Protein backbone atom coordinates (compact mmCIF):
# COMPACT_ATOMS: atom_id res chain seq x y z
CA MET A 1 188.28 -51.66 88.50
CA PRO A 2 189.78 -48.23 87.64
CA GLU A 3 192.73 -48.13 85.28
CA LEU A 4 195.67 -45.76 84.97
CA VAL A 5 198.07 -45.46 82.06
CA ILE A 6 201.64 -44.53 82.94
CA LYS A 7 204.16 -43.65 80.25
CA TYR A 8 207.81 -44.01 81.16
CA LYS A 9 211.14 -43.57 79.45
CA ASN A 10 213.42 -45.56 81.74
CA GLN A 11 213.32 -49.32 82.35
CA LYS A 12 214.06 -48.67 86.04
CA THR A 13 210.68 -46.98 86.35
CA LEU A 14 208.93 -50.13 85.18
CA ASP A 15 211.00 -52.24 87.54
CA ALA A 16 210.04 -49.98 90.45
CA LEU A 17 206.35 -50.18 89.53
CA MET A 18 206.57 -53.96 89.39
CA ASP A 19 208.09 -54.00 92.89
CA PHE A 20 205.46 -51.58 94.25
CA SER A 21 202.67 -53.70 92.79
CA LYS A 22 203.62 -56.58 95.06
CA TYR A 23 203.12 -54.48 98.19
CA PHE A 24 200.22 -52.19 97.22
CA ASP A 25 197.94 -54.75 95.53
CA PHE A 26 197.77 -53.44 91.97
CA SER A 27 198.67 -55.07 88.71
CA VAL A 28 201.04 -53.91 86.01
CA ILE A 29 200.02 -54.89 82.51
CA SER A 30 202.60 -54.16 79.88
CA SER A 31 201.23 -53.46 76.41
CA PRO A 32 203.22 -53.25 73.20
CA ARG A 33 203.76 -49.84 71.70
CA LYS A 34 201.03 -48.85 69.32
CA ASP A 35 202.30 -48.36 65.82
CA LYS A 36 200.14 -46.12 63.65
CA LYS A 37 200.98 -48.16 60.56
CA LYS A 38 199.62 -51.46 61.89
CA ASN A 39 196.19 -52.79 61.10
CA ILE A 40 193.58 -52.51 63.85
CA LEU A 41 191.03 -55.26 64.49
CA ILE A 42 187.63 -54.09 65.84
CA ASN A 43 184.82 -56.62 66.24
CA GLY A 44 186.37 -58.86 63.60
CA VAL A 45 186.77 -56.04 61.04
CA THR A 46 190.29 -55.07 60.01
CA LEU A 47 190.86 -51.33 59.73
CA ILE A 48 193.82 -50.31 57.62
CA PRO A 49 195.24 -46.80 58.19
CA ALA A 50 194.84 -44.39 55.29
CA ASP A 51 197.64 -44.09 52.79
CA ASN A 52 198.08 -41.18 50.41
CA SER A 53 199.69 -43.42 47.79
CA ILE A 54 196.33 -44.91 46.76
CA ASN A 55 195.23 -43.75 43.32
CA THR A 56 191.46 -43.10 43.20
CA SER A 57 191.40 -41.69 39.66
CA GLU A 58 189.92 -44.95 38.29
CA MET A 59 186.77 -44.39 40.34
CA GLU A 60 186.35 -40.84 39.08
CA ALA A 61 184.70 -42.00 35.86
CA ILE A 62 182.22 -44.12 37.80
CA PHE A 63 181.04 -41.37 40.11
CA SER A 64 181.41 -38.23 37.97
CA ASN A 65 178.25 -36.50 36.68
CA LYS A 66 176.01 -39.02 38.46
CA ASP A 67 173.72 -36.86 40.66
CA ILE A 68 174.35 -39.11 43.67
CA ASP A 69 173.02 -37.85 46.97
CA SER A 70 175.28 -38.98 49.84
CA LYS A 71 172.40 -39.02 52.35
CA GLN A 72 170.25 -41.24 50.12
CA LEU A 73 173.24 -43.46 49.34
CA ARG A 74 173.82 -44.06 53.07
CA VAL A 75 170.14 -44.87 53.62
CA ASP A 76 170.04 -47.31 50.70
CA ALA A 77 173.37 -48.94 51.52
CA TRP A 78 172.54 -49.57 55.17
CA LEU A 79 169.05 -50.99 54.75
CA ARG A 80 168.56 -54.24 56.61
CA ASN A 81 166.17 -56.76 55.18
CA LYS A 82 164.36 -58.62 57.91
């Protein structure tokens, strides 16, 4: 079934859509406003939005001067043992 997202500013608009839905055979599904600061759950994995207050300087000593190839790191990290 096709879907349409309608953004409105006035509560009367929502009330009118609810009334129209009774006569024109469509459903109105109200969703909560999406807050960019909230965690997102995708396939059971929680994604936390980035935050610039995180201090990554502790990891600098681990990864500095280590001749690490990002392509090889991805290949090694995502190997699946069958």
